[in-house]
Amino acid sequence: MPVPEILDAALLRLDCPPADCSLCPRLAGFRAATREAHPDWFNAPVPSFGDPEPALLIVGLAPGLRGANRTGRPFTGDYAGDLLYRTLLKSGFATGEYGADPTDGLELRHARITNAVRCVPPQNKPETSEIAACGRFLAAELRASRSIRAILALGAIAHNAALAAKGLKRAPYKFAHGATHELPDGTLLADSYHCSRLNTNTGTLTPQMFEAVIAGLAERLGSLAPPDRSPPTPTA
C-alpha cells in the first residue's frame, strides 16, 4: 500500500523501516494478513510524528491494530492516543485539535512520537527478537535528532529499548513510573506507565498521574525555545 500523502516524506528516513520491511517474519506476515482483511488501512511500519527537531522524544511500545496501524500516525485512533494527545495539548507540547485522524491538523511543538516497534504485533505483544531487530530505527532516530534533551518512555519495553538504542545497560536505570534518569550524554530519560486503556481501567495509571509526568517534563525542559544564534547586538 503506498504511503498516504498526509505523511511527511521527510520522516521516511533511516529511522523508519521500508513499507515492505521483512526483518521480522511474524510481523510481516501479520501485516500481510491484516492488509488482506483491511486493504484501506495503512498496514505498514508507522513512521514517527512531530517536530523534526524535538526537545522531547516520546517512545511507545508498538502501533495498535485499529489505531496507528489503521491510520498511519502514532497513537492515532485508539484510547491511548486520546489520553496522550489531550495531555500534550494541555501541557503545550501540541497545538490544534486532536480528531483521532491524521488529517485533523494537530501539530506537535518541540516533541516527537515514535515506537520501539514500528509494526503492529499480534495481541499487541512484540517478541524480544522483534524489539531488538527494530531497535536500529530508534537508534537512528536518536542519532538524527541532536536536539533531543529528554526521552519519555511509555512502559518498561520502551524504557529498555531507549537504553539499548543508546548502547546502555539496564541495571543502573530501573524503570519506575515517574522516575527520571540522567544518561551519560546528558539526555534525561523519564518513565511513565503506558497510557493504554488497560492501565487506566485498572487504575495502574490515572489521567492525573500521566499529566503530572508530562507537566514535569515541560517544566524541566523550560521554555523549549531554540538558542538564539543571531549575532550579538553591539554595545555603545
Protein backbone atom coordinates (compact mmCIF):
# COMPACT_ATOMS: atom_id res chain seq x y z
CA MET A 1 0.00 0.00 0.00
CA PRO A 2 1.53 3.38 -0.92
CA VAL A 3 2.34 5.81 1.88
CA PRO A 4 -0.54 8.30 2.25
CA GLU A 5 0.18 11.85 1.15
CA ILE A 6 -0.71 13.04 4.67
CA LEU A 7 2.61 11.69 5.89
CA ASP A 8 5.63 13.90 5.52
CA ALA A 9 8.09 12.19 3.19
CA ALA A 10 10.92 13.74 5.21
CA LEU A 11 10.04 11.35 8.04
CA LEU A 12 10.74 8.28 5.91
CA ARG A 13 14.48 8.20 6.55
CA LEU A 14 16.85 5.66 8.01
CA ASP A 15 14.86 5.94 11.24
CA CYS A 16 11.84 4.20 9.71
CA PRO A 17 11.66 0.74 8.12
CA PRO A 18 10.62 0.48 4.47
CA ALA A 19 6.96 -0.26 3.79
CA ASP A 20 7.82 -3.85 2.87
CA CYS A 21 10.20 -4.45 5.81
CA SER A 22 10.87 -8.15 6.30
CA LEU A 23 13.20 -8.04 9.31
CA CYS A 24 10.57 -9.72 11.47
CA PRO A 25 8.81 -12.54 9.56
CA ARG A 26 5.99 -12.87 12.12
CA LEU A 27 5.17 -9.16 11.94
CA ALA A 28 5.47 -9.10 8.15
CA GLY A 29 3.04 -12.00 7.95
CA PHE A 30 0.60 -10.31 10.31
CA ARG A 31 0.79 -7.12 8.26
CA ALA A 32 0.05 -9.08 5.10
CA ALA A 33 -2.94 -10.80 6.69
CA THR A 34 -4.27 -7.51 8.01
CA ARG A 35 -3.79 -5.88 4.61
CA GLU A 36 -5.83 -8.67 3.06
CA ALA A 37 -8.62 -8.16 5.59
CA HIS A 38 -8.49 -4.35 5.60
CA PRO A 39 -6.94 -3.09 2.33
CA ASP A 40 -7.92 0.51 3.11
CA TRP A 41 -5.81 0.61 6.29
CA PHE A 42 -2.20 1.85 6.47
CA ASN A 43 -0.79 -1.65 7.24
CA ALA A 44 2.91 -0.73 7.16
CA PRO A 45 5.68 0.29 9.56
CA VAL A 46 4.42 3.51 11.17
CA PRO A 47 6.81 6.49 10.88
CA SER A 48 7.44 8.93 13.70
CA PHE A 49 5.29 12.02 14.03
CA GLY A 50 6.02 15.52 15.24
CA ASP A 51 8.63 18.23 15.36
CA PRO A 52 11.69 17.27 13.25
CA GLU A 53 13.92 18.95 15.85
CA PRO A 54 12.28 17.96 19.12
CA ALA A 55 13.42 18.60 22.65
CA LEU A 56 11.28 15.66 23.78
CA LEU A 57 11.06 12.23 22.12
CA ILE A 58 8.15 10.09 23.31
CA VAL A 59 8.66 6.35 22.82
CA GLY A 60 5.69 3.99 22.90
CA LEU A 61 5.52 0.23 22.51
CA ALA A 62 4.09 -0.51 19.05
CA PRO A 63 1.24 0.55 16.74
CA GLY A 64 -2.22 -0.56 17.80
CA LEU A 65 -4.13 -2.71 15.34
CA ARG A 66 -7.05 -0.29 14.95
CA GLY A 67 -5.02 2.74 15.95
CA ALA A 68 -1.75 3.63 14.25
CA ASN A 69 -1.76 0.54 12.02
CA ARG A 70 -5.07 1.74 10.62
CA THR A 71 -4.37 5.47 10.44
CA GLY A 72 -0.61 5.63 9.82
CA ARG A 73 0.13 8.09 12.68
CA PRO A 74 1.42 7.02 16.10
CA PHE A 75 -1.23 6.81 18.84
CA THR A 76 -3.98 7.94 16.48
CA GLY A 77 -7.36 6.25 16.54
CA ASP A 78 -7.32 4.44 19.88
CA TYR A 79 -7.79 5.26 23.57
CA ALA A 80 -4.07 5.63 24.29
CA GLY A 81 -3.96 8.44 21.74
CA ASP A 82 -6.95 10.16 23.32
CA LEU A 83 -5.11 10.45 26.63
CA LEU A 84 -1.67 11.14 25.15
CA TYR A 85 -2.66 13.91 22.77
CA ARG A 86 -5.09 15.51 25.21
CA THR A 87 -2.26 15.70 27.74
CA LEU A 88 0.23 17.06 25.19
CA LEU A 89 -2.27 19.77 24.21
CA LYS A 90 -2.78 20.68 27.85
CA SER A 91 0.95 20.95 28.51
CA GLY A 92 1.76 22.99 25.40
CA PHE A 93 3.59 20.23 23.54
CA ALA A 94 0.85 20.24 20.88
CA THR A 95 -1.38 22.75 19.12
CA GLY A 96 -4.64 22.40 17.24
CA GLU A 97 -7.26 19.80 17.96
CA TYR A 98 -6.91 16.04 18.15
CA GLY A 99 -9.55 14.40 15.99
CA ALA A 100 -8.20 10.82 16.02
CA ASP A 101 -7.39 11.25 12.33
CA PRO A 102 -4.06 12.13 10.64
CA THR A 103 -5.81 14.92 8.73
CA ASP A 104 -7.04 16.66 11.90
CA GLY A 105 -4.33 19.34 11.67
CA LEU A 106 -2.80 18.55 15.06
CA GLU A 107 0.83 19.64 15.34
CA LEU A 108 3.43 18.82 17.96
CA ARG A 109 5.66 21.56 19.38
CA HIS A 110 9.17 20.58 20.48
CA ALA A 111 8.00 16.96 20.72
CA ARG A 112 8.05 13.88 18.53
CA ILE A 113 6.40 10.49 18.96
CA THR A 114 7.73 7.12 17.88
CA ASN A 115 7.51 3.45 18.90
CA ALA A 116 10.04 0.85 19.99
CA VAL A 117 8.49 -1.49 17.39
CA ARG A 118 7.20 0.13 14.20
CA CYS A 119 4.87 -2.66 13.01
CA VAL A 120 1.68 -3.85 14.68
CA PRO A 121 2.25 -7.10 16.61
CA PRO A 122 -0.41 -9.77 17.22
CA GLN A 123 -2.21 -9.16 20.55
CA ASN A 124 -0.09 -6.01 20.96
CA LYS A 125 2.79 -8.20 22.16
CA PRO A 126 6.05 -7.95 20.22
CA GLU A 127 8.61 -10.67 20.81
CA THR A 128 12.05 -9.96 22.24
CA SER A 129 13.74 -10.61 18.90
CA GLU A 130 11.37 -8.16 17.17
CA ILE A 131 12.10 -5.43 19.69
CA ALA A 132 15.81 -5.98 19.15
CA ALA A 133 15.51 -6.01 15.35
CA CYS A 134 13.57 -2.74 15.31
CA GLY A 135 15.97 -1.08 17.74
CA ARG A 136 18.19 0.05 14.86
CA PHE A 137 15.49 2.52 13.78
CA LEU A 138 15.13 4.05 17.24
CA ALA A 139 18.91 4.36 17.44
CA ALA A 140 18.92 6.12 14.06
CA GLU A 141 16.18 8.46 15.27
CA LEU A 142 18.21 9.41 18.31
CA ARG A 143 21.35 9.97 16.23
CA ALA A 144 19.49 12.07 13.64
CA SER A 145 17.71 14.33 16.16
CA ARG A 146 20.53 16.05 18.00
CA SER A 147 18.04 18.45 19.57
CA ILE A 148 16.58 15.78 21.86
CA ARG A 149 17.07 16.71 25.50
CA ALA A 150 14.63 14.24 27.05
CA ILE A 151 13.09 10.87 26.24
CA LEU A 152 9.76 9.82 27.71
CA ALA A 153 9.41 6.02 27.78
CA LEU A 154 5.83 4.78 27.92
CA GLY A 155 6.29 1.46 29.66
CA ALA A 156 9.20 -0.79 30.54
CA ILE A 157 9.69 -2.12 26.99
CA ALA A 158 10.06 1.41 25.62
CA HIS A 159 12.40 2.24 28.53
CA ASN A 160 14.63 -0.74 27.78
CA ALA A 161 14.53 -0.04 24.03
CA ALA A 162 15.68 3.54 24.60
CA LEU A 163 18.59 2.35 26.74
CA ALA A 164 19.57 -0.25 24.12
CA ALA A 165 19.42 2.41 21.39
CA LYS A 166 21.82 4.48 23.47
CA GLY A 167 24.09 1.46 23.99
CA LEU A 168 23.49 1.45 27.74
CA LYS A 169 22.95 -1.38 30.22
CA ARG A 170 19.64 -1.60 32.07
CA ALA A 171 20.90 -2.19 35.60
CA PRO A 172 21.76 1.43 36.52
CA TYR A 173 18.45 2.73 35.15
CA LYS A 174 15.47 0.91 36.67
CA PHE A 175 12.04 1.54 35.19
CA ALA A 176 9.50 3.07 37.55
CA HIS A 177 6.55 5.32 36.91
CA GLY A 178 7.60 8.93 37.46
CA ALA A 179 11.31 8.09 37.61
CA THR A 180 13.89 10.19 35.79
CA HIS A 181 17.41 9.15 34.85
CA GLU A 182 20.33 11.30 33.76
CA LEU A 183 22.08 9.45 30.92
CA PRO A 184 25.83 9.82 30.31
CA ASP A 185 25.34 12.05 27.26
CA GLY A 186 23.17 14.47 29.26
CA THR A 187 19.84 13.24 27.93
CA LEU A 188 17.07 12.85 30.51
CA LEU A 189 15.18 9.54 30.39
CA ALA A 190 11.76 9.81 32.06
CA ASP A 191 9.39 6.91 32.73
CA SER A 192 5.63 6.56 32.72
CA TYR A 193 3.27 3.64 32.68
CA HIS A 194 1.85 3.26 29.19
CA CYS A 195 -1.30 5.31 28.61
CA SER A 196 -3.26 2.25 27.49
CA ARG A 197 -6.90 1.58 28.24
CA LEU A 198 -5.86 -1.48 30.27
CA ASN A 199 -3.68 0.61 32.57
CA THR A 200 -6.28 3.32 33.05
CA ASN A 201 -9.16 0.85 33.51
CA THR A 202 -7.25 -0.97 36.25
CA GLY A 203 -6.13 2.25 37.93
CA THR A 204 -2.47 1.49 37.27
CA LEU A 205 -2.31 4.86 35.55
CA THR A 206 -4.75 7.70 36.09
CA PRO A 207 -5.02 10.75 33.82
CA GLN A 208 -3.75 12.84 36.72
CA MET A 209 -0.66 10.64 37.11
CA PHE A 210 0.07 10.90 33.40
CA GLU A 211 -0.49 14.66 33.31
CA ALA A 212 1.94 15.05 36.21
CA VAL A 213 4.70 13.30 34.27
CA ILE A 214 4.17 15.41 31.14
CA ALA A 215 3.86 18.64 33.14
CA GLY A 216 7.07 17.82 34.99
CA LEU A 217 8.91 17.34 31.71
CA ALA A 218 7.55 20.60 30.33
CA GLU A 219 8.77 22.42 33.44
CA ARG A 220 12.13 20.71 33.42
CA LEU A 221 12.74 21.47 29.77
CA GLY A 222 11.86 25.10 30.38
CA SER A 223 10.59 27.30 27.59
CA LEU A 224 11.93 24.89 24.95
CA ALA A 225 12.83 27.86 22.77
CA PRO A 226 15.81 27.19 20.49
CA PRO A 227 19.01 29.03 21.37
CA ASP A 228 19.40 32.49 19.87
CA ARG A 229 22.06 32.21 17.18
CA SER A 230 21.76 35.78 15.95
CA PRO A 231 24.88 37.95 16.22
CA PRO A 232 25.14 39.88 19.48
CA THR A 233 23.95 43.46 19.42
CA PRO A 234 26.90 45.87 19.63
CA THR A 235 27.02 47.84 22.86
CA ALA A 236 27.55 51.56 22.90
